[in-house]
Protein backbone atom coordinates (compact mmCIF):
# COMPACT_ATOMS: atom_id res chain seq x y z
CA MET A 1 0.00 0.00 0.00
CA LEU A 2 2.77 2.45 0.89
CA ASN A 3 4.43 2.05 -2.49
CA SER A 4 1.18 2.78 -4.33
CA PHE A 5 0.41 5.67 -2.03
CA SER A 6 3.82 7.29 -2.54
CA LEU A 7 3.54 6.85 -6.32
CA LEU A 8 0.11 8.50 -6.38
CA ALA A 9 1.31 11.31 -4.12
CA LEU A 10 4.27 11.89 -6.43
CA LEU A 11 1.91 11.98 -9.42
CA CYS A 12 -0.30 14.55 -7.72
CA SER A 13 2.63 16.74 -6.69
CA THR A 14 4.02 16.63 -10.24
CA GLY A 15 0.66 17.85 -11.51
CA SER A 16 0.66 20.66 -8.96
CA ILE A 17 4.16 21.73 -9.98
CA LEU A 18 3.09 21.80 -13.64
CA VAL A 19 0.14 24.02 -12.79
CA VAL A 20 2.32 26.45 -10.84
CA LEU A 21 4.96 26.55 -13.56
CA GLY A 22 2.29 27.11 -16.17
CA ILE A 23 1.13 30.15 -14.24
CA ILE A 24 4.45 31.78 -13.38
CA LEU A 25 6.56 31.14 -16.48
CA THR A 26 6.49 33.59 -19.34
CA ILE A 27 6.13 31.17 -22.24
CA PRO A 28 3.75 31.17 -25.21
CA ALA A 29 0.09 30.85 -24.28
CA ILE A 30 -0.34 27.44 -25.93
CA TRP A 31 2.42 25.95 -23.78
CA GLN A 32 0.92 27.50 -20.66
CA LEU A 33 -2.44 25.99 -21.56
CA ILE A 34 -0.88 22.57 -22.18
CA MET A 35 0.96 22.71 -18.84
CA LEU A 36 -2.16 23.79 -16.96
CA ILE A 37 -4.40 21.13 -18.49
CA GLY A 38 -1.75 18.43 -18.10
CA GLY A 39 -1.14 19.40 -14.48
CA LEU A 40 -4.83 19.37 -13.69
CA ILE A 41 -5.24 15.95 -15.29
CA LEU A 42 -2.29 14.51 -13.34
CA CYS A 43 -3.53 16.06 -10.11
CA GLY A 44 -7.04 14.71 -10.68
CA ILE A 45 -5.75 11.20 -11.38
CA GLY A 46 -3.56 11.34 -8.27
CA ILE A 47 -6.36 12.54 -6.00
CA PHE A 48 -8.79 9.98 -7.42
CA GLY A 49 -6.24 7.19 -6.93
CA VAL A 50 -5.39 8.18 -3.36
CA THR A 51 -9.06 8.42 -2.45
CA ARG A 52 -9.76 5.02 -3.97
CA LEU A 53 -6.75 3.49 -2.21
CA LEU A 54 -7.73 4.89 1.17
CA LEU A 55 -11.37 3.83 0.81
CA SER A 56 -10.36 0.29 -0.17
CA GLU A 57 -8.07 0.06 2.88
CA LYS A 58 -10.83 1.35 5.15
CA GLY A 59 -13.21 -1.34 3.91
CA LYS A 60 -10.80 -4.16 4.77
């Protein structure tokens, strides 16, 4: 469980870093949009996975 949890937490933090970098960097708008959308997708997958992992452990 800990290995899966740390992998999902790393995925979520990577998504958060992409969102922040997409906001603060002065790059073309299309790249900012790609970074923001990609970061939000990674963060959403990470949060969904962590929630699912914790709920499955609670049910055991």
